[in-house]
Amino acid sequence: MSIQNVRARYRNGVLEPLEAVELDEDEVVYLTVQPEDEDPPVWSMPRTLPDMHDDPDGFIKAIYQARIDGTRPSRQR
């Protein structure tokens, strides 16, 4: 199984997925709870940078441009 980001609603003590999930019956998973109005974790952000292996120069330029634009995710300490 790969990592899935799924929106859910908490109701009556139960998290109800709002999207389809690819899980086997009785499968145990790790769950991170984050309010929807907060910034998504870095690993769940849509990919906006060019692939490092396909275009290394474009990848580096995109990183520096993201720093200039202020779109680079903040570091969590």
N, C-alpha and C. Protein backbone atom coordinates (compact mmCIF):
# COMPACT_ATOMS: atom_id res chain seq x y z
N MET A 1 0.84 -1.18 0.00
CA MET A 1 0.00 0.00 0.00
C MET A 1 0.89 1.24 0.00
N SER A 2 0.51 2.23 -0.74
CA SER A 2 1.23 3.50 -0.76
C SER A 2 0.52 4.50 0.15
N ILE A 3 1.20 5.59 0.46
CA ILE A 3 0.61 6.63 1.30
C ILE A 3 -0.56 7.27 0.56
N GLN A 4 -1.65 7.46 1.28
CA GLN A 4 -2.83 8.11 0.73
C GLN A 4 -3.20 9.29 1.61
N ASN A 5 -3.55 10.40 1.02
CA ASN A 5 -4.08 11.54 1.75
C ASN A 5 -5.57 11.55 1.53
N VAL A 6 -6.32 11.44 2.60
CA VAL A 6 -7.77 11.32 2.49
C VAL A 6 -8.44 12.30 3.45
N ARG A 7 -9.38 13.06 2.95
CA ARG A 7 -10.17 13.92 3.81
C ARG A 7 -11.18 13.05 4.55
N ALA A 8 -11.46 13.41 5.80
CA ALA A 8 -12.42 12.65 6.60
C ALA A 8 -13.19 13.60 7.49
N ARG A 9 -14.35 13.12 7.94
CA ARG A 9 -15.18 13.89 8.86
C ARG A 9 -15.25 13.11 10.16
N TYR A 10 -15.08 13.82 11.28
CA TYR A 10 -15.19 13.21 12.60
C TYR A 10 -16.61 13.38 13.09
N ARG A 11 -17.28 12.26 13.36
CA ARG A 11 -18.68 12.32 13.78
C ARG A 11 -18.95 11.15 14.73
N ASN A 12 -19.50 11.47 15.89
CA ASN A 12 -19.86 10.44 16.88
C ASN A 12 -18.68 9.53 17.22
N GLY A 13 -17.50 10.13 17.35
CA GLY A 13 -16.32 9.36 17.75
C GLY A 13 -15.69 8.52 16.65
N VAL A 14 -16.12 8.73 15.40
CA VAL A 14 -15.60 7.93 14.29
C VAL A 14 -15.16 8.84 13.15
N LEU A 15 -14.01 8.55 12.57
CA LEU A 15 -13.56 9.28 11.38
C LEU A 15 -14.16 8.59 10.16
N GLU A 16 -14.91 9.36 9.36
CA GLU A 16 -15.54 8.82 8.16
C GLU A 16 -14.82 9.38 6.94
N PRO A 17 -14.17 8.53 6.12
CA PRO A 17 -13.49 9.02 4.92
C PRO A 17 -14.49 9.67 3.97
N LEU A 18 -14.09 10.79 3.38
CA LEU A 18 -14.93 11.47 2.40
C LEU A 18 -14.54 11.08 0.98
N GLU A 19 -13.55 10.22 0.86
CA GLU A 19 -13.07 9.73 -0.44
C GLU A 19 -12.81 8.24 -0.32
N ALA A 20 -12.70 7.58 -1.44
CA ALA A 20 -12.41 6.15 -1.43
C ALA A 20 -11.01 5.90 -0.88
N VAL A 21 -10.85 4.83 -0.12
CA VAL A 21 -9.54 4.44 0.39
C VAL A 21 -9.22 3.03 -0.08
N GLU A 22 -7.95 2.80 -0.35
CA GLU A 22 -7.50 1.48 -0.81
C GLU A 22 -6.91 0.74 0.37
N LEU A 23 -7.77 0.09 1.15
CA LEU A 23 -7.35 -0.66 2.33
C LEU A 23 -7.99 -2.04 2.32
N ASP A 24 -7.25 -3.01 2.84
CA ASP A 24 -7.82 -4.33 3.05
C ASP A 24 -8.62 -4.30 4.35
N GLU A 25 -9.60 -5.15 4.44
CA GLU A 25 -10.41 -5.24 5.65
C GLU A 25 -9.51 -5.53 6.85
N ASP A 26 -9.73 -4.83 7.95
CA ASP A 26 -8.98 -4.96 9.21
C ASP A 26 -7.52 -4.54 9.11
N GLU A 27 -7.15 -3.83 8.04
CA GLU A 27 -5.78 -3.34 7.91
C GLU A 27 -5.54 -2.22 8.94
N VAL A 28 -4.38 -2.26 9.58
CA VAL A 28 -4.01 -1.25 10.56
C VAL A 28 -3.13 -0.22 9.87
N VAL A 29 -3.42 1.08 10.09
CA VAL A 29 -2.68 2.15 9.44
C VAL A 29 -2.28 3.20 10.48
N TYR A 30 -1.30 4.03 10.14
CA TYR A 30 -0.97 5.21 10.94
C TYR A 30 -1.86 6.34 10.49
N LEU A 31 -2.29 7.17 11.42
CA LEU A 31 -3.21 8.24 11.11
C LEU A 31 -2.67 9.55 11.68
N THR A 32 -2.57 10.55 10.83
CA THR A 32 -2.19 11.90 11.27
C THR A 32 -3.41 12.77 11.09
N VAL A 33 -3.81 13.47 12.14
CA VAL A 33 -4.99 14.31 12.08
C VAL A 33 -4.56 15.77 11.97
N GLN A 34 -5.09 16.46 10.97
CA GLN A 34 -4.75 17.86 10.75
C GLN A 34 -6.00 18.57 10.25
N PRO A 35 -6.36 19.70 10.86
CA PRO A 35 -7.54 20.43 10.38
C PRO A 35 -7.37 20.83 8.92
N GLU A 36 -8.47 20.81 8.18
CA GLU A 36 -8.44 21.09 6.75
C GLU A 36 -7.98 22.51 6.44
N ASP A 37 -8.22 23.46 7.35
CA ASP A 37 -7.87 24.84 7.07
C ASP A 37 -6.39 25.16 7.28
N GLU A 38 -5.60 24.20 7.76
CA GLU A 38 -4.16 24.39 7.91
C GLU A 38 -3.44 24.00 6.63
N ASP A 39 -2.20 24.49 6.48
CA ASP A 39 -1.41 24.12 5.31
C ASP A 39 -1.18 22.62 5.31
N PRO A 40 -1.24 21.99 4.13
CA PRO A 40 -1.00 20.54 4.08
C PRO A 40 0.46 20.24 4.39
N PRO A 41 0.74 19.05 4.90
CA PRO A 41 2.14 18.68 5.12
C PRO A 41 2.89 18.68 3.80
N VAL A 42 4.18 18.89 3.86
CA VAL A 42 4.99 19.00 2.65
C VAL A 42 4.83 17.78 1.77
N TRP A 43 4.78 16.59 2.34
CA TRP A 43 4.73 15.38 1.52
C TRP A 43 3.40 15.24 0.78
N SER A 44 2.40 15.99 1.15
CA SER A 44 1.12 15.86 0.47
C SER A 44 0.85 16.99 -0.52
N MET A 45 1.77 17.92 -0.62
CA MET A 45 1.57 19.04 -1.54
C MET A 45 1.67 18.56 -2.98
N PRO A 46 0.86 19.13 -3.86
CA PRO A 46 0.97 18.74 -5.26
C PRO A 46 2.37 19.05 -5.79
N ARG A 47 2.82 18.24 -6.68
CA ARG A 47 4.16 18.41 -7.23
C ARG A 47 4.16 19.60 -8.19
N THR A 48 5.01 20.59 -7.91
CA THR A 48 5.07 21.77 -8.76
C THR A 48 6.47 21.97 -9.34
N LEU A 49 7.43 21.23 -8.83
CA LEU A 49 8.81 21.36 -9.32
C LEU A 49 9.05 20.36 -10.44
N PRO A 50 9.90 20.72 -11.43
CA PRO A 50 10.24 19.75 -12.45
C PRO A 50 10.99 18.57 -11.83
N ASP A 51 10.90 17.41 -12.46
CA ASP A 51 11.59 16.24 -11.95
C ASP A 51 13.10 16.47 -11.99
N MET A 52 13.75 16.21 -10.87
CA MET A 52 15.19 16.45 -10.75
C MET A 52 15.98 15.64 -11.78
N HIS A 53 15.53 14.44 -12.09
CA HIS A 53 16.29 13.58 -12.99
C HIS A 53 16.06 13.95 -14.46
N ASP A 54 14.88 14.47 -14.78
CA ASP A 54 14.58 14.83 -16.17
C ASP A 54 15.19 16.17 -16.56
N ASP A 55 15.21 17.12 -15.62
CA ASP A 55 15.69 18.47 -15.91
C ASP A 55 16.37 19.05 -14.67
N PRO A 56 17.63 18.64 -14.39
CA PRO A 56 18.29 19.11 -13.17
C PRO A 56 18.43 20.63 -13.12
N ASP A 57 18.72 21.27 -14.24
CA ASP A 57 18.87 22.73 -14.23
C ASP A 57 17.53 23.42 -13.94
N GLY A 58 16.46 22.92 -14.54
CA GLY A 58 15.13 23.47 -14.28
C GLY A 58 14.71 23.26 -12.83
N PHE A 59 15.09 22.11 -12.27
CA PHE A 59 14.78 21.81 -10.87
C PHE A 59 15.45 22.83 -9.95
N ILE A 60 16.72 23.09 -10.18
CA ILE A 60 17.46 24.05 -9.35
C ILE A 60 16.88 25.46 -9.51
N LYS A 61 16.58 25.85 -10.76
CA LYS A 61 15.98 27.17 -10.99
C LYS A 61 14.63 27.29 -10.27
N ALA A 62 13.83 26.23 -10.32
CA ALA A 62 12.52 26.26 -9.67
C ALA A 62 12.66 26.41 -8.15
N ILE A 63 13.66 25.77 -7.57
CA ILE A 63 13.88 25.89 -6.12
C ILE A 63 14.22 27.33 -5.77
N TYR A 64 15.16 27.92 -6.51
CA TYR A 64 15.53 29.31 -6.23
C TYR A 64 14.36 30.26 -6.48
N GLN A 65 13.57 30.02 -7.52
CA GLN A 65 12.42 30.88 -7.79
C GLN A 65 11.39 30.77 -6.68
N ALA A 66 11.19 29.56 -6.16
CA ALA A 66 10.25 29.36 -5.05
C ALA A 66 10.70 30.14 -3.82
N ARG A 67 12.00 30.20 -3.60
CA ARG A 67 12.52 30.99 -2.48
C ARG A 67 12.23 32.48 -2.69
N ILE A 68 12.43 32.96 -3.91
CA ILE A 68 12.18 34.36 -4.22
C ILE A 68 10.69 34.69 -4.09
N ASP A 69 9.84 33.80 -4.61
CA ASP A 69 8.39 34.01 -4.59
C ASP A 69 7.79 33.84 -3.20
N GLY A 70 8.53 33.21 -2.31
CA GLY A 70 8.01 32.94 -0.97
C GLY A 70 7.06 31.77 -0.93
N THR A 71 7.11 30.89 -1.94
CA THR A 71 6.22 29.73 -1.96
C THR A 71 6.87 28.49 -1.39
N ARG A 72 8.09 28.63 -0.95
CA ARG A 72 8.80 27.49 -0.36
C ARG A 72 8.17 27.19 1.00
N PRO A 73 7.87 25.92 1.30
CA PRO A 73 7.28 25.57 2.59
C PRO A 73 8.22 25.98 3.73
N SER A 74 7.65 26.47 4.83
CA SER A 74 8.47 26.84 5.97
C SER A 74 9.01 25.60 6.65
N ARG A 75 10.16 25.75 7.30
CA ARG A 75 10.77 24.63 8.01
C ARG A 75 10.07 24.46 9.34
N GLN A 76 9.76 23.24 9.67
CA GLN A 76 9.12 22.92 10.95
C GLN A 76 10.21 22.52 11.92
N ARG A 77 10.19 23.07 13.11
CA ARG A 77 11.20 22.71 14.13
C ARG A 77 10.55 21.97 15.26
